[in-house]
């Protein structure tokens, strides 16, 4: 009886691992720090890329 329960528990664990792998869940990933990407602020991008609105001749 104990062998049957352990066998069924193994099958359930195997099926759960297969389902999680299909969803892209990795239970054994390394504990690396998260990568933080710093992006320029919107004001800096606007100042560099857009021409001035008023003509210098006015």
N, C-alpha and C. Protein backbone atom coordinates (compact mmCIF):
# COMPACT_ATOMS: atom_id res chain seq x y z
N UNK A 1 0.82 -1.19 0.00
CA UNK A 1 0.00 0.00 0.00
C UNK A 1 0.87 1.26 0.00
N UNK A 2 1.92 1.25 0.83
CA UNK A 2 2.82 2.40 0.88
C UNK A 2 3.50 2.61 -0.47
N UNK A 3 3.86 1.52 -1.13
CA UNK A 3 4.50 1.61 -2.43
C UNK A 3 3.55 2.24 -3.46
N UNK A 4 2.30 1.88 -3.40
CA UNK A 4 1.30 2.44 -4.31
C UNK A 4 1.14 3.95 -4.09
N UNK A 5 1.09 4.38 -2.83
CA UNK A 5 0.95 5.80 -2.52
C UNK A 5 2.18 6.56 -3.01
N UNK A 6 3.38 6.02 -2.80
CA UNK A 6 4.60 6.68 -3.26
C UNK A 6 4.65 6.73 -4.79
N UNK A 7 4.19 5.69 -5.44
CA UNK A 7 4.14 5.66 -6.90
C UNK A 7 3.19 6.73 -7.43
N UNK A 8 2.01 6.83 -6.83
CA UNK A 8 1.05 7.84 -7.26
C UNK A 8 1.57 9.25 -6.98
N UNK A 9 2.24 9.45 -5.86
CA UNK A 9 2.82 10.76 -5.55
C UNK A 9 3.91 11.11 -6.56
N UNK A 10 4.69 10.14 -6.98
CA UNK A 10 5.71 10.37 -8.00
C UNK A 10 5.11 10.75 -9.33
N UNK A 11 4.03 10.09 -9.70
CA UNK A 11 3.35 10.40 -10.96
C UNK A 11 2.78 11.82 -10.91
N UNK A 12 2.17 12.19 -9.80
CA UNK A 12 1.61 13.53 -9.65
C UNK A 12 2.73 14.57 -9.73
N UNK A 13 3.86 14.32 -9.08
CA UNK A 13 4.99 15.26 -9.13
C UNK A 13 5.54 15.37 -10.54
N UNK A 14 5.61 14.26 -11.24
CA UNK A 14 6.09 14.26 -12.62
C UNK A 14 5.16 15.06 -13.52
N UNK A 15 3.86 14.85 -13.38
CA UNK A 15 2.89 15.59 -14.20
C UNK A 15 2.92 17.09 -13.87
N UNK A 16 3.10 17.42 -12.60
CA UNK A 16 3.18 18.83 -12.22
C UNK A 16 4.43 19.47 -12.82
N UNK A 17 5.55 18.76 -12.81
CA UNK A 17 6.78 19.29 -13.40
C UNK A 17 6.62 19.48 -14.90
N UNK A 18 5.95 18.55 -15.57
CA UNK A 18 5.72 18.69 -17.01
C UNK A 18 4.84 19.90 -17.30
N UNK A 19 3.80 20.09 -16.51
CA UNK A 19 2.90 21.23 -16.72
C UNK A 19 3.63 22.55 -16.50
N UNK A 20 4.45 22.62 -15.46
CA UNK A 20 5.19 23.86 -15.19
C UNK A 20 6.23 24.14 -16.27
N UNK A 21 6.84 23.09 -16.81
CA UNK A 21 7.83 23.32 -17.87
C UNK A 21 7.16 23.81 -19.15
N UNK A 22 5.93 23.40 -19.39
CA UNK A 22 5.20 23.90 -20.55
C UNK A 22 4.85 25.38 -20.41
N UNK A 23 4.70 25.84 -19.17
CA UNK A 23 4.38 27.24 -18.92
C UNK A 23 5.64 28.09 -18.78
N UNK A 24 6.80 27.47 -18.80
CA UNK A 24 8.05 28.22 -18.70
C UNK A 24 8.49 28.49 -17.27
N UNK A 25 7.97 27.76 -16.32
CA UNK A 25 8.33 27.95 -14.91
C UNK A 25 9.52 27.05 -14.60
N UNK A 26 10.57 27.65 -14.05
CA UNK A 26 11.77 26.89 -13.70
C UNK A 26 11.95 26.93 -12.19
N UNK A 27 11.85 25.80 -11.54
CA UNK A 27 11.97 25.74 -10.09
C UNK A 27 13.43 25.71 -9.63
N UNK A 28 14.37 25.43 -10.51
CA UNK A 28 15.77 25.27 -10.13
C UNK A 28 16.65 26.39 -10.67
N UNK A 29 16.15 27.58 -10.79
CA UNK A 29 16.96 28.66 -11.33
C UNK A 29 17.91 29.18 -10.25
N UNK A 30 19.03 29.73 -10.70
CA UNK A 30 20.02 30.27 -9.79
C UNK A 30 19.51 31.57 -9.18
N UNK A 31 20.00 31.86 -7.99
CA UNK A 31 19.58 33.09 -7.33
C UNK A 31 20.54 34.22 -7.71
N UNK A 32 20.36 34.72 -8.92
CA UNK A 32 21.17 35.82 -9.42
C UNK A 32 20.43 37.12 -9.16
N UNK A 33 21.17 38.20 -8.96
CA UNK A 33 20.48 39.48 -8.77
C UNK A 33 19.75 39.88 -10.06
N UNK A 34 18.66 40.59 -9.88
CA UNK A 34 17.88 41.03 -11.04
C UNK A 34 18.66 42.08 -11.81
N UNK A 35 18.56 42.02 -13.12
CA UNK A 35 19.22 43.00 -13.97
C UNK A 35 18.33 44.23 -14.10
N UNK A 36 18.89 45.37 -13.79
CA UNK A 36 18.14 46.62 -13.87
C UNK A 36 18.68 47.42 -15.03
N UNK A 37 17.82 47.77 -15.96
CA UNK A 37 18.21 48.56 -17.12
C UNK A 37 17.72 49.98 -16.91
N UNK A 38 18.63 50.90 -16.93
CA UNK A 38 18.28 52.30 -16.76
C UNK A 38 18.04 52.92 -18.13
N UNK A 39 16.89 53.54 -18.31
CA UNK A 39 16.54 54.18 -19.56
C UNK A 39 16.61 55.68 -19.38
N UNK A 40 16.91 56.42 -20.44
CA UNK A 40 16.94 57.88 -20.31
C UNK A 40 15.53 58.39 -20.04
N UNK A 41 15.46 59.51 -19.35
CA UNK A 41 14.14 60.07 -19.05
C UNK A 41 13.53 60.62 -20.34
N UNK A 42 12.24 60.79 -20.35
CA UNK A 42 11.52 61.26 -21.53
C UNK A 42 11.93 62.69 -21.88
N UNK A 43 12.22 63.53 -20.91
CA UNK A 43 12.60 64.92 -21.17
C UNK A 43 13.94 64.97 -21.91
N UNK A 44 14.89 64.09 -21.54
CA UNK A 44 16.18 64.07 -22.21
C UNK A 44 16.04 63.63 -23.66
N UNK A 45 15.19 62.66 -23.91
CA UNK A 45 15.01 62.16 -25.27
C UNK A 45 14.34 63.21 -26.14
N UNK A 46 13.36 63.91 -25.62
CA UNK A 46 12.66 64.94 -26.38
C UNK A 46 13.61 66.08 -26.72
N UNK A 47 14.43 66.50 -25.78
CA UNK A 47 15.36 67.62 -26.02
C UNK A 47 16.38 67.28 -27.09
N UNK A 48 16.80 66.05 -27.18
CA UNK A 48 17.84 65.66 -28.12
C UNK A 48 17.31 65.38 -29.52
N UNK A 49 16.10 64.89 -29.64
CA UNK A 49 15.63 64.38 -30.92
C UNK A 49 14.68 65.32 -31.65
N UNK A 50 14.00 66.21 -30.97
CA UNK A 50 13.02 67.05 -31.65
C UNK A 50 13.60 68.43 -31.92
N UNK A 51 13.31 68.99 -33.07
CA UNK A 51 13.79 70.34 -33.37
C UNK A 51 13.00 71.36 -32.57
N UNK A 52 13.51 72.54 -32.40
CA UNK A 52 12.76 73.58 -31.67
C UNK A 52 11.48 73.94 -32.44
N UNK A 53 10.44 74.31 -31.72
CA UNK A 53 9.15 74.62 -32.34
C UNK A 53 9.18 75.98 -33.02
N UNK A 54 9.83 76.96 -32.45
CA UNK A 54 9.85 78.30 -33.01
C UNK A 54 11.06 78.46 -33.93
N UNK A 55 10.88 79.20 -34.99
CA UNK A 55 11.95 79.46 -35.93
C UNK A 55 12.90 80.52 -35.33
N UNK A 56 14.19 80.40 -35.53
CA UNK A 56 15.09 81.43 -34.99
C UNK A 56 14.97 82.75 -35.74
N UNK A 57 14.31 82.76 -36.89
CA UNK A 57 14.15 84.00 -37.68
C UNK A 57 13.05 84.89 -37.14
N UNK A 58 12.18 84.38 -36.29
CA UNK A 58 11.04 85.16 -35.80
C UNK A 58 11.43 86.21 -34.81
